[in-house]
Amino acid sequence: MKSLISLIKKEFRQLNILIIVSTLIITVWEWFLISRSENWPHGLSFGLGFIPLFFLPMIMLFLAYNSYRSEWGNNTIYLLKILPRKGYEINFAKFFLLLVII
């Protein structure tokens, strides 16, 4: 369990900038919708507020791919492979962080 938490912390450090950028984009989108809701038909801004939810699976796949790509780019994938952890535990650490963040 302790090694799983350390893997999750490592993934969090890697994804810091992407977390900030995605949060900023969603915040700006929601602010835009709130500022325009008085001029639009009733319910339109509410419906458009769910657009980021449709992109969440695609964003999660991109972030997971980017995480593995950075592991290969930094040559740290070999360290992950020699850890006494099973593959599903490493994948769980990567995807758990994405689920918590998004």
PDB file of N, CA and C in Angstrom:
ATOM      1  N   MET A   1       0.822  -1.192   0.000  1.00  0.00           N
ATOM      2  CA  MET A   1       0.000   0.000   0.000  1.00  0.00           C
ATOM      3  C   MET A   1       0.864   1.253   0.000  1.00  0.00           C
ATOM      4  N   LYS A   2       1.971   1.208   0.730  1.00  0.00           N
ATOM      5  CA  LYS A   2       2.847   2.366   0.812  1.00  0.00           C
ATOM      6  C   LYS A   2       3.480   2.674  -0.544  1.00  0.00           C
ATOM      7  N   SER A   3       3.842   1.619  -1.277  1.00  0.00           N
ATOM      8  CA  SER A   3       4.446   1.847  -2.589  1.00  0.00           C
ATOM      9  C   SER A   3       3.409   2.360  -3.587  1.00  0.00           C
ATOM     10  N   LEU A   4       2.152   1.949  -3.433  1.00  0.00           N
ATOM     11  CA  LEU A   4       1.096   2.451  -4.303  1.00  0.00           C
ATOM     12  C   LEU A   4       0.887   3.941  -4.080  1.00  0.00           C
ATOM     13  N   ILE A   5       0.933   4.371  -2.836  1.00  0.00           N
ATOM     14  CA  ILE A   5       0.795   5.794  -2.529  1.00  0.00           C
ATOM     15  C   ILE A   5       1.972   6.576  -3.086  1.00  0.00           C
ATOM     16  N   SER A   6       3.177   6.018  -3.017  1.00  0.00           N
ATOM     17  CA  SER A   6       4.332   6.714  -3.587  1.00  0.00           C
ATOM     18  C   SER A   6       4.226   6.809  -5.106  1.00  0.00           C
ATOM     19  N   LEU A   7       3.667   5.791  -5.757  1.00  0.00           N
ATOM     20  CA  LEU A   7       3.442   5.868  -7.206  1.00  0.00           C
ATOM     21  C   LEU A   7       2.422   6.951  -7.549  1.00  0.00           C
ATOM     22  N   ILE A   8       1.370   7.061  -6.754  1.00  0.00           N
ATOM     23  CA  ILE A   8       0.358   8.088  -6.991  1.00  0.00           C
ATOM     24  C   ILE A   8       0.955   9.476  -6.797  1.00  0.00           C
ATOM     25  N   LYS A   9       1.804   9.654  -5.789  1.00  0.00           N
ATOM     26  CA  LYS A   9       2.459  10.949  -5.572  1.00  0.00           C
ATOM     27  C   LYS A   9       3.361  11.314  -6.741  1.00  0.00           C
ATOM     28  N   LYS A  10       4.076  10.324  -7.277  1.00  0.00           N
ATOM     29  CA  LYS A  10       4.957  10.578  -8.416  1.00  0.00           C
ATOM     30  C   LYS A  10       4.147  11.003  -9.637  1.00  0.00           C
ATOM     31  N   GLU A  11       3.023  10.355  -9.852  1.00  0.00           N
ATOM     32  CA  GLU A  11       2.166  10.718 -10.979  1.00  0.00           C
ATOM     33  C   GLU A  11       1.603  12.122 -10.795  1.00  0.00           C
ATOM     34  N   PHE A  12       1.260  12.486  -9.568  1.00  0.00           N
ATOM     35  CA  PHE A  12       0.734  13.827  -9.311  1.00  0.00           C
ATOM     36  C   PHE A  12       1.775  14.886  -9.634  1.00  0.00           C
ATOM     37  N   ARG A  13       3.029  14.641  -9.263  1.00  0.00           N
ATOM     38  CA  ARG A  13       4.091  15.597  -9.581  1.00  0.00           C
ATOM     39  C   ARG A  13       4.284  15.737 -11.086  1.00  0.00           C
ATOM     40  N   GLN A  14       4.095  14.661 -11.828  1.00  0.00           N
ATOM     41  CA  GLN A  14       4.261  14.714 -13.279  1.00  0.00           C
ATOM     42  C   GLN A  14       3.139  15.483 -13.957  1.00  0.00           C
ATOM     43  N   LEU A  15       1.935  15.402 -13.447  1.00  0.00           N
ATOM     44  CA  LEU A  15       0.777  15.976 -14.120  1.00  0.00           C
ATOM     45  C   LEU A  15       0.379  17.351 -13.599  1.00  0.00           C
ATOM     46  N   ASN A  16       1.211  17.996 -12.817  1.00  0.00           N
ATOM     47  CA  ASN A  16       0.852  19.280 -12.218  1.00  0.00           C
ATOM     48  C   ASN A  16       0.406  20.312 -13.243  1.00  0.00           C
ATOM     49  N   ILE A  17       1.201  20.565 -14.281  1.00  0.00           N
ATOM     50  CA  ILE A  17       0.880  21.622 -15.233  1.00  0.00           C
ATOM     51  C   ILE A  17      -0.383  21.290 -16.022  1.00  0.00           C
ATOM     52  N   LEU A  18      -0.577  20.027 -16.363  1.00  0.00           N
ATOM     53  CA  LEU A  18      -1.785  19.651 -17.097  1.00  0.00           C
ATOM     54  C   LEU A  18      -3.034  19.811 -16.239  1.00  0.00           C
ATOM     55  N   ILE A  19      -2.902  19.566 -14.955  1.00  0.00           N
ATOM     56  CA  ILE A  19      -4.031  19.754 -14.043  1.00  0.00           C
ATOM     57  C   ILE A  19      -4.413  21.228 -13.985  1.00  0.00           C
ATOM     58  N   ILE A  20      -3.420  22.079 -13.862  1.00  0.00           N
ATOM     59  CA  ILE A  20      -3.676  23.515 -13.767  1.00  0.00           C
ATOM     60  C   ILE A  20      -4.306  24.041 -15.047  1.00  0.00           C
ATOM     61  N   VAL A  21      -3.777  23.638 -16.194  1.00  0.00           N
ATOM     62  CA  VAL A  21      -4.298  24.119 -17.473  1.00  0.00           C
ATOM     63  C   VAL A  21      -5.728  23.640 -17.702  1.00  0.00           C
ATOM     64  N   SER A  22      -6.005  22.381 -17.448  1.00  0.00           N
ATOM     65  CA  SER A  22      -7.365  21.878 -17.675  1.00  0.00           C
ATOM     66  C   SER A  22      -8.366  22.518 -16.717  1.00  0.00           C
ATOM     67  N   THR A  23      -7.969  22.745 -15.484  1.00  0.00           N
ATOM     68  CA  THR A  23      -8.854  23.417 -14.530  1.00  0.00           C
ATOM     69  C   THR A  23      -9.124  24.853 -14.962  1.00  0.00           C
ATOM     70  N   LEU A  24      -8.102  25.522 -15.454  1.00  0.00           N
ATOM     71  CA  LEU A  24      -8.263  26.896 -15.920  1.00  0.00           C
ATOM     72  C   LEU A  24      -9.196  26.962 -17.128  1.00  0.00           C
ATOM     73  N   ILE A  25      -9.051  26.046 -18.066  1.00  0.00           N
ATOM     74  CA  ILE A  25      -9.909  26.036 -19.254  1.00  0.00           C
ATOM     75  C   ILE A  25     -11.366  25.796 -18.871  1.00  0.00           C
ATOM     76  N   ILE A  26     -11.622  24.850 -17.989  1.00  0.00           N
ATOM     77  CA  ILE A  26     -13.000  24.567 -17.570  1.00  0.00           C
ATOM     78  C   ILE A  26     -13.582  25.745 -16.797  1.00  0.00           C
ATOM     79  N   THR A  27     -12.774  26.396 -15.971  1.00  0.00           N
ATOM     80  CA  THR A  27     -13.245  27.556 -15.216  1.00  0.00           C
ATOM     81  C   THR A  27     -13.613  28.704 -16.143  1.00  0.00           C
ATOM     82  N   VAL A  28     -12.772  28.964 -17.140  1.00  0.00           N
ATOM     83  CA  VAL A  28     -13.066  30.028 -18.105  1.00  0.00           C
ATOM     84  C   VAL A  28     -14.330  29.696 -18.889  1.00  0.00           C
ATOM     85  N   TRP A  29     -14.513  28.443 -19.278  1.00  0.00           N
ATOM     86  CA  TRP A  29     -15.715  28.033 -20.013  1.00  0.00           C
ATOM     87  C   TRP A  29     -16.968  28.252 -19.171  1.00  0.00           C
ATOM     88  N   GLU A  30     -16.926  27.843 -17.917  1.00  0.00           N
ATOM     89  CA  GLU A  30     -18.094  28.009 -17.050  1.00  0.00           C
ATOM     90  C   GLU A  30     -18.372  29.488 -16.778  1.00  0.00           C
ATOM     91  N   TRP A  31     -17.342  30.286 -16.610  1.00  0.00           N
ATOM     92  CA  TRP A  31     -17.539  31.718 -16.415  1.00  0.00           C
ATOM     93  C   TRP A  31     -18.181  32.342 -17.652  1.00  0.00           C
ATOM     94  N   PHE A  32     -17.724  31.933 -18.831  1.00  0.00           N
ATOM     95  CA  PHE A  32     -18.313  32.422 -20.077  1.00  0.00           C
ATOM     96  C   PHE A  32     -19.798  32.081 -20.139  1.00  0.00           C
ATOM     97  N   LEU A  33     -20.154  30.867 -19.771  1.00  0.00           N
ATOM     98  CA  LEU A  33     -21.560  30.467 -19.810  1.00  0.00           C
ATOM     99  C   LEU A  33     -22.400  31.239 -18.802  1.00  0.00           C
ATOM    100  N   ILE A  34     -21.849  31.463 -17.626  1.00  0.00           N
ATOM    101  CA  ILE A  34     -22.598  32.208 -16.606  1.00  0.00           C
ATOM    102  C   ILE A  34     -22.817  33.649 -17.045  1.00  0.00           C
ATOM    103  N   SER A  35     -21.806  34.243 -17.673  1.00  0.00           N
ATOM    104  CA  SER A  35     -21.933  35.638 -18.092  1.00  0.00           C
ATOM    105  C   SER A  35     -22.902  35.802 -19.262  1.00  0.00           C
ATOM    106  N   ARG A  36     -23.131  34.770 -20.045  1.00  0.00           N
ATOM    107  CA  ARG A  36     -24.021  34.854 -21.205  1.00  0.00           C
ATOM    108  C   ARG A  36     -25.415  34.278 -20.942  1.00  0.00           C
ATOM    109  N   SER A  37     -25.645  33.729 -19.786  1.00  0.00           N
ATOM    110  CA  SER A  37     -26.906  33.017 -19.535  1.00  0.00           C
ATOM    111  C   SER A  37     -28.130  33.932 -19.572  1.00  0.00           C
ATOM    112  N   GLU A  38     -27.973  35.212 -19.309  1.00  0.00           N
ATOM    113  CA  GLU A  38     -29.126  36.114 -19.310  1.00  0.00           C
ATOM    114  C   GLU A  38     -29.613  36.406 -20.725  1.00  0.00           C
ATOM    115  N   ASN A  39     -28.713  36.361 -21.703  1.00  0.00           N
ATOM    116  CA  ASN A  39     -29.074  36.696 -23.082  1.00  0.00           C
ATOM    117  C   ASN A  39     -29.536  35.487 -23.886  1.00  0.00           C
ATOM    118  N   TRP A  40     -29.251  34.301 -23.441  1.00  0.00           N
ATOM    119  CA  TRP A  40     -29.575  33.084 -24.186  1.00  0.00           C
ATOM    120  C   TRP A  40     -30.902  32.508 -23.712  1.00  0.00           C
ATOM    121  N   PRO A  41     -31.491  31.616 -24.510  1.00  0.00           N
ATOM    122  CA  PRO A  41     -32.732  30.954 -24.075  1.00  0.00           C
ATOM    123  C   PRO A  41     -32.517  30.160 -22.784  1.00  0.00           C
ATOM    124  N   HIS A  42     -33.588  30.018 -22.051  1.00  0.00           N
ATOM    125  CA  HIS A  42     -33.536  29.324 -20.766  1.00  0.00           C
ATOM    126  C   HIS A  42     -33.076  27.879 -20.950  1.00  0.00           C
ATOM    127  N   GLY A  43     -32.074  27.464 -20.209  1.00  0.00           N
ATOM    128  CA  GLY A  43     -31.589  26.089 -20.243  1.00  0.00           C
ATOM    129  C   GLY A  43     -30.431  25.847 -21.189  1.00  0.00           C
ATOM    130  N   LEU A  44     -30.153  26.784 -22.093  1.00  0.00           N
ATOM    131  CA  LEU A  44     -29.064  26.570 -23.047  1.00  0.00           C
ATOM    132  C   LEU A  44     -27.706  26.583 -22.356  1.00  0.00           C
ATOM    133  N   SER A  45     -27.492  27.544 -21.472  1.00  0.00           N
ATOM    134  CA  SER A  45     -26.198  27.596 -20.778  1.00  0.00           C
ATOM    135  C   SER A  45     -26.038  26.400 -19.843  1.00  0.00           C
ATOM    136  N   PHE A  46     -27.147  25.921 -19.285  1.00  0.00           N
ATOM    137  CA  PHE A  46     -27.077  24.722 -18.445  1.00  0.00           C
ATOM    138  C   PHE A  46     -26.642  23.516 -19.268  1.00  0.00           C
ATOM    139  N   GLY A  47     -27.209  23.365 -20.445  1.00  0.00           N
ATOM    140  CA  GLY A  47     -26.845  22.250 -21.322  1.00  0.00           C
ATOM    141  C   GLY A  47     -25.416  22.353 -21.821  1.00  0.00           C
ATOM    142  N   LEU A  48     -24.988  23.553 -22.164  1.00  0.00           N
ATOM    143  CA  LEU A  48     -23.616  23.741 -22.642  1.00  0.00           C
ATOM    144  C   LEU A  48     -22.593  23.548 -21.527  1.00  0.00           C
ATOM    145  N   GLY A  49     -23.030  23.647 -20.296  1.00  0.00           N
ATOM    146  CA  GLY A  49     -22.131  23.422 -19.170  1.00  0.00           C
ATOM    147  C   GLY A  49     -21.647  21.986 -19.067  1.00  0.00           C
ATOM    148  N   PHE A  50     -22.363  21.077 -19.715  1.00  0.00           N
ATOM    149  CA  PHE A  50     -21.977  19.666 -19.680  1.00  0.00           C
ATOM    150  C   PHE A  50     -20.997  19.280 -20.784  1.00  0.00           C
ATOM    151  N   ILE A  51     -20.650  20.201 -21.649  1.00  0.00           N
ATOM    152  CA  ILE A  51     -19.713  19.884 -22.739  1.00  0.00           C
ATOM    153  C   ILE A  51     -18.378  19.367 -22.210  1.00  0.00           C
ATOM    154  N   PRO A  52     -17.789  19.960 -21.168  1.00  0.00           N
ATOM    155  CA  PRO A  52     -16.523  19.392 -20.671  1.00  0.00           C
ATOM    156  C   PRO A  52     -16.647  17.945 -20.208  1.00  0.00           C
ATOM    157  N   LEU A  53     -17.835  17.530 -19.767  1.00  0.00           N
ATOM    158  CA  LEU A  53     -18.014  16.139 -19.339  1.00  0.00           C
ATOM    159  C   LEU A  53     -17.877  15.155 -20.496  1.00  0.00           C
ATOM    160  N   PHE A  54     -18.227  15.593 -21.699  1.00  0.00           N
ATOM    161  CA  PHE A  54     -18.094  14.713 -22.861  1.00  0.00           C
ATOM    162  C   PHE A  54     -16.635  14.518 -23.249  1.00  0.00           C
ATOM    163  N   PHE A  55     -15.799  15.495 -22.921  1.00  0.00           N
ATOM    164  CA  PHE A  55     -14.388  15.407 -23.278  1.00  0.00           C
ATOM    165  C   PHE A  55     -13.540  14.736 -22.200  1.00  0.00           C
ATOM    166  N   LEU A  56     -14.109  14.476 -21.036  1.00  0.00           N
ATOM    167  CA  LEU A  56     -13.337  13.885 -19.944  1.00  0.00           C
ATOM    168  C   LEU A  56     -12.729  12.527 -20.290  1.00  0.00           C
ATOM    169  N   PRO A  57     -13.450  11.599 -20.920  1.00  0.00           N
ATOM    170  CA  PRO A  57     -12.790  10.332 -21.274  1.00  0.00           C
ATOM    171  C   PRO A  57     -11.619  10.524 -22.228  1.00  0.00           C
ATOM    172  N   MET A  58     -11.776  11.427 -23.185  1.00  0.00           N
ATOM    173  CA  MET A  58     -10.689  11.689 -24.119  1.00  0.00           C
ATOM    174  C   MET A  58      -9.500  12.334 -23.403  1.00  0.00           C
ATOM    175  N   ILE A  59      -9.777  13.227 -22.480  1.00  0.00           N
ATOM    176  CA  ILE A  59      -8.708  13.871 -21.715  1.00  0.00           C
ATOM    177  C   ILE A  59      -7.988  12.844 -20.853  1.00  0.00           C
ATOM    178  N   MET A  60      -8.754  11.928 -20.236  1.00  0.00           N
ATOM    179  CA  MET A  60      -8.123  10.895 -19.407  1.00  0.00           C
ATOM    180  C   MET A  60      -7.214   9.996 -20.226  1.00  0.00           C
ATOM    181  N   LEU A  61      -7.656   9.602 -21.414  1.00  0.00           N
ATOM    182  CA  LEU A  61      -6.813   8.771 -22.273  1.00  0.00           C
ATOM    183  C   LEU A  61      -5.556   9.516 -22.698  1.00  0.00           C
ATOM    184  N   PHE A  62      -5.698  10.797 -23.021  1.00  0.00           N
ATOM    185  CA  PHE A  62      -4.537  11.587 -23.414  1.00  0.00           C
ATOM    186  C   PHE A  62      -3.548  11.722 -22.265  1.00  0.00           C
ATOM    187  N   LEU A  63      -4.041  11.991 -21.070  1.00  0.00           N
ATOM    188  CA  LEU A  63      -3.146  12.142 -19.923  1.00  0.00           C
ATOM    189  C   LEU A  63      -2.458  10.830 -19.568  1.00  0.00           C
ATOM    190  N   ALA A  64      -3.178   9.725 -19.686  1.00  0.00           N
ATOM    191  CA  ALA A  64      -2.551   8.424 -19.415  1.00  0.00           C
ATOM    192  C   ALA A  64      -1.480   8.118 -20.451  1.00  0.00           C
ATOM    193  N   TYR A  65      -1.775   8.399 -21.711  1.00  0.00           N
ATOM    194  CA  TYR A  65      -0.779   8.204 -22.764  1.00  0.00           C
ATOM    195  C   TYR A  65       0.430   9.094 -22.525  1.00  0.00           C
ATOM    196  N   ASN A  66       0.180  10.336 -22.156  1.00  0.00           N
ATOM    197  CA  ASN A  66       1.267  11.280 -21.901  1.00  0.00           C
ATOM    198  C   ASN A  66       2.111  10.835 -20.712  1.00  0.00           C
ATOM    199  N   SER A  67       1.482  10.235 -19.722  1.00  0.00           N
ATOM    200  CA  SER A  67       2.216   9.744 -18.563  1.00  0.00           C
ATOM    201  C   SER A  67       3.170   8.621 -18.957  1.00  0.00           C
ATOM    202  N   TYR A  68       2.662   7.679 -19.740  1.00  0.00           N
ATOM    203  CA  TYR A  68       3.537   6.591 -20.199  1.00  0.00           C
ATOM    204  C   TYR A  68       4.620   7.103 -21.147  1.00  0.00           C
ATOM    205  N   ARG A  69       4.282   8.062 -21.979  1.00  0.00           N
ATOM    206  CA  ARG A  69       5.271   8.622 -22.902  1.00  0.00           C
ATOM    207  C   ARG A  69       6.396   9.315 -22.143  1.00  0.00           C
ATOM    208  N   SER A  70       6.048  10.032 -21.084  1.00  0.00           N
ATOM    209  CA  SER A  70       7.089  10.689 -20.292  1.00  0.00           C
ATOM    210  C   SER A  70       7.938   9.667 -19.542  1.00  0.00           C
ATOM    211  N   GLU A  71       7.321   8.551 -19.136  1.00  0.00           N
ATOM    212  CA  GLU A  71       8.103   7.485 -18.494  1.00  0.00           C
ATOM    213  C   GLU A  71       9.145   6.935 -19.466  1.00  0.00           C
ATOM    214  N   TRP A  72       8.743   6.707 -20.709  1.00  0.00           N
ATOM    215  CA  TRP A  72       9.695   6.200 -21.698  1.00  0.00           C
ATOM    216  C   TRP A  72      10.721   7.272 -22.054  1.00  0.00           C
ATOM    217  N   GLY A  73      10.299   8.531 -22.139  1.00  0.00           N
ATOM    218  CA  GLY A  73      11.214   9.620 -22.492  1.00  0.00           C
ATOM    219  C   GLY A  73      12.277   9.869 -21.438  1.00  0.00           C
ATOM    220  N   ASN A  74      11.919   9.713 -20.182  1.00  0.00           N
ATOM    221  CA  ASN A  74      12.867   9.938 -19.083  1.00  0.00           C
ATOM    222  C   ASN A  74      13.615   8.674 -18.690  1.00  0.00           C
ATOM    223  N   ASN A  75      13.333   7.577 -19.379  1.00  0.00           N
ATOM    224  CA  ASN A  75      13.926   6.269 -19.080  1.00  0.00           C
ATOM    225  C   ASN A  75      13.643   5.812 -17.647  1.00  0.00           C
ATOM    226  N   THR A  76      12.498   6.200 -17.119  1.00  0.00           N
ATOM    227  CA  THR A  76      12.105   5.737 -15.791  1.00  0.00           C
ATOM    228  C   THR A  76      11.147   4.555 -15.872  1.00  0.00           C
ATOM    229  N   ILE A  77      10.753   4.186 -17.073  1.00  0.00           N
ATOM    230  CA  ILE A  77       9.867   3.032 -17.227  1.00  0.00           C
ATOM    231  C   ILE A  77      10.565   1.759 -16.768  1.00  0.00           C
ATOM    232  N   TYR A  78      11.882   1.720 -16.937  1.00  0.00           N
ATOM    233  CA  TYR A  78      12.631   0.541 -16.514  1.00  0.00           C
ATOM    234  C   TYR A  78      12.610   0.406 -14.993  1.00  0.00           C
ATOM    235  N   LEU A  79      12.628   1.541 -14.301  1.00  0.00           N
ATOM    236  CA  LEU A  79      12.517   1.509 -12.844  1.00  0.00           C
ATOM    237  C   LEU A  79      11.146   0.978 -12.426  1.00  0.00           C
ATOM    238  N   LEU A  80      10.107   1.401 -13.128  1.00  0.00           N
ATOM    239  CA  LEU A  80       8.770   0.895 -12.814  1.00  0.00           C
ATOM    240  C   LEU A  80       8.657  -0.597 -13.084  1.00  0.00           C
ATOM    241  N   LYS A  81       9.339  -1.060 -14.118  1.00  0.00           N
ATOM    242  CA  LYS A  81       9.250  -2.483 -14.464  1.00  0.00           C
ATOM    243  C   LYS A  81       9.957  -3.379 -13.454  1.00  0.00           C
ATOM    244  N   ILE A  82      11.010  -2.857 -12.803  1.00  0.00           N
ATOM    245  CA  ILE A  82      11.731  -3.705 -11.854  1.00  0.00           C
ATOM    246  C   ILE A  82      11.171  -3.608 -10.439  1.00  0.00           C
ATOM    247  N   LEU A  83      10.208  -2.712 -10.224  1.00  0.00           N
ATOM    248  CA  LEU A  83       9.578  -2.639  -8.907  1.00  0.00           C
ATOM    249  C   LEU A  83       8.800  -3.923  -8.643  1.00  0.00           C
ATOM    250  N   PRO A  84       8.720  -4.310  -7.376  1.00  0.00           N
ATOM    251  CA  PRO A  84       7.943  -5.525  -7.070  1.00  0.00           C
ATOM    252  C   PRO A  84       6.438  -5.242  -7.078  1.00  0.00           C
ATOM    253  N   ARG A  85       5.973  -4.598  -8.107  1.00  0.00           N
ATOM    254  CA  ARG A  85       4.558  -4.269  -8.271  1.00  0.00           C
ATOM    255  C   ARG A  85       4.056  -4.920  -9.541  1.00  0.00           C
ATOM    256  N   LYS A  86       2.829  -5.339  -9.509  1.00  0.00           N
ATOM    257  CA  LYS A  86       2.218  -5.914 -10.699  1.00  0.00           C
ATOM    258  C   LYS A  86       1.813  -4.787 -11.650  1.00  0.00           C
ATOM    259  N   GLY A  87       1.635  -5.136 -12.904  1.00  0.00           N
ATOM    260  CA  GLY A  87       1.292  -4.142 -13.914  1.00  0.00           C
ATOM    261  C   GLY A  87      -0.016  -3.439 -13.642  1.00  0.00           C
ATOM    262  N   TYR A  88      -0.994  -4.190 -13.131  1.00  0.00           N
ATOM    263  CA  TYR A  88      -2.285  -3.554 -12.868  1.00  0.00           C
ATOM    264  C   TYR A  88      -2.187  -2.549 -11.718  1.00  0.00           C
ATOM    265  N   GLU A  89      -1.257  -2.740 -10.784  1.00  0.00           N
ATOM    266  CA  GLU A  89      -1.095  -1.768  -9.700  1.00  0.00           C
ATOM    267  C   GLU A  89      -0.502  -0.465 -10.226  1.00  0.00           C
ATOM    268  N   ILE A  90       0.441  -0.570 -11.150  1.00  0.00           N
ATOM    269  CA  ILE A  90       1.030   0.630 -11.748  1.00  0.00           C
ATOM    270  C   ILE A  90      -0.026   1.364 -12.571  1.00  0.00           C
ATOM    271  N   ASN A  91      -0.793   0.615 -13.360  1.00  0.00           N
ATOM    272  CA  ASN A  91      -1.866   1.236 -14.140  1.00  0.00           C
ATOM    273  C   ASN A  91      -2.923   1.848 -13.233  1.00  0.00           C
ATOM    274  N   PHE A  92      -3.241   1.173 -12.133  1.00  0.00           N
ATOM    275  CA  PHE A  92      -4.216   1.713 -11.189  1.00  0.00           C
ATOM    276  C   PHE A  92      -3.729   3.034 -10.610  1.00  0.00           C
ATOM    277  N   ALA A  93      -2.446   3.124 -10.279  1.00  0.00           N
ATOM    278  CA  ALA A  93      -1.903   4.369  -9.728  1.00  0.00           C
ATOM    279  C   ALA A  93      -2.025   5.501 -10.741  1.00  0.00           C
ATOM    280  N   LYS A  94      -1.778   5.205 -12.008  1.00  0.00           N
ATOM    281  CA  LYS A  94      -1.866   6.236 -13.037  1.00  0.00           C
ATOM    282  C   LYS A  94      -3.313   6.670 -13.263  1.00  0.00           C
ATOM    283  N   PHE A  95      -4.232   5.712 -13.380  1.00  0.00           N
ATOM    284  CA  PHE A  95      -5.616   6.055 -13.669  1.00  0.00           C
ATOM    285  C   PHE A  95      -6.370   6.553 -12.443  1.00  0.00           C
ATOM    286  N   PHE A  96      -5.999   6.099 -11.250  1.00  0.00           N
ATOM    287  CA  PHE A  96      -6.658   6.577 -10.037  1.00  0.00           C
ATOM    288  C   PHE A  96      -6.441   8.070  -9.864  1.00  0.00           C
ATOM    289  N   LEU A  97      -5.227   8.512 -10.108  1.00  0.00           N
ATOM    290  CA  LEU A  97      -4.941   9.936  -9.988  1.00  0.00           C
ATOM    291  C   LEU A  97      -5.753  10.726 -11.007  1.00  0.00           C
ATOM    292  N   LEU A  98      -5.868  10.228 -12.215  1.00  0.00           N
ATOM    293  CA  LEU A  98      -6.658  10.924 -13.228  1.00  0.00           C
ATOM    294  C   LEU A  98      -8.128  10.982 -12.839  1.00  0.00           C
ATOM    295  N   LEU A  99      -8.646   9.908 -12.264  1.00  0.00           N
ATOM    296  CA  LEU A  99     -10.043   9.915 -11.825  1.00  0.00           C
ATOM    297  C   LEU A  99     -10.270  10.916 -10.703  1.00  0.00           C
ATOM    298  N   VAL A 100      -9.328  10.994  -9.786  1.00  0.00           N
ATOM    299  CA  VAL A 100      -9.463  11.925  -8.666  1.00  0.00           C
ATOM    300  C   VAL A 100      -9.382  13.367  -9.152  1.00  0.00           C
ATOM    301  N   ILE A 101      -8.468  13.621 -10.066  1.00  0.00           N
ATOM    302  CA  ILE A 101      -8.263  14.984 -10.549  1.00  0.00           C
ATOM    303  C   ILE A 101      -9.429  15.448 -11.405  1.00  0.00           C
ATOM    304  N   ILE A 102      -9.838  14.605 -12.319  1.00  0.00           N
ATOM    305  CA  ILE A 102     -10.881  15.010 -13.263  1.00  0.00           C
ATOM    306  C   ILE A 102     -12.227  14.771 -12.629  1.00  0.00           C
TER     307      ILE A 102
END
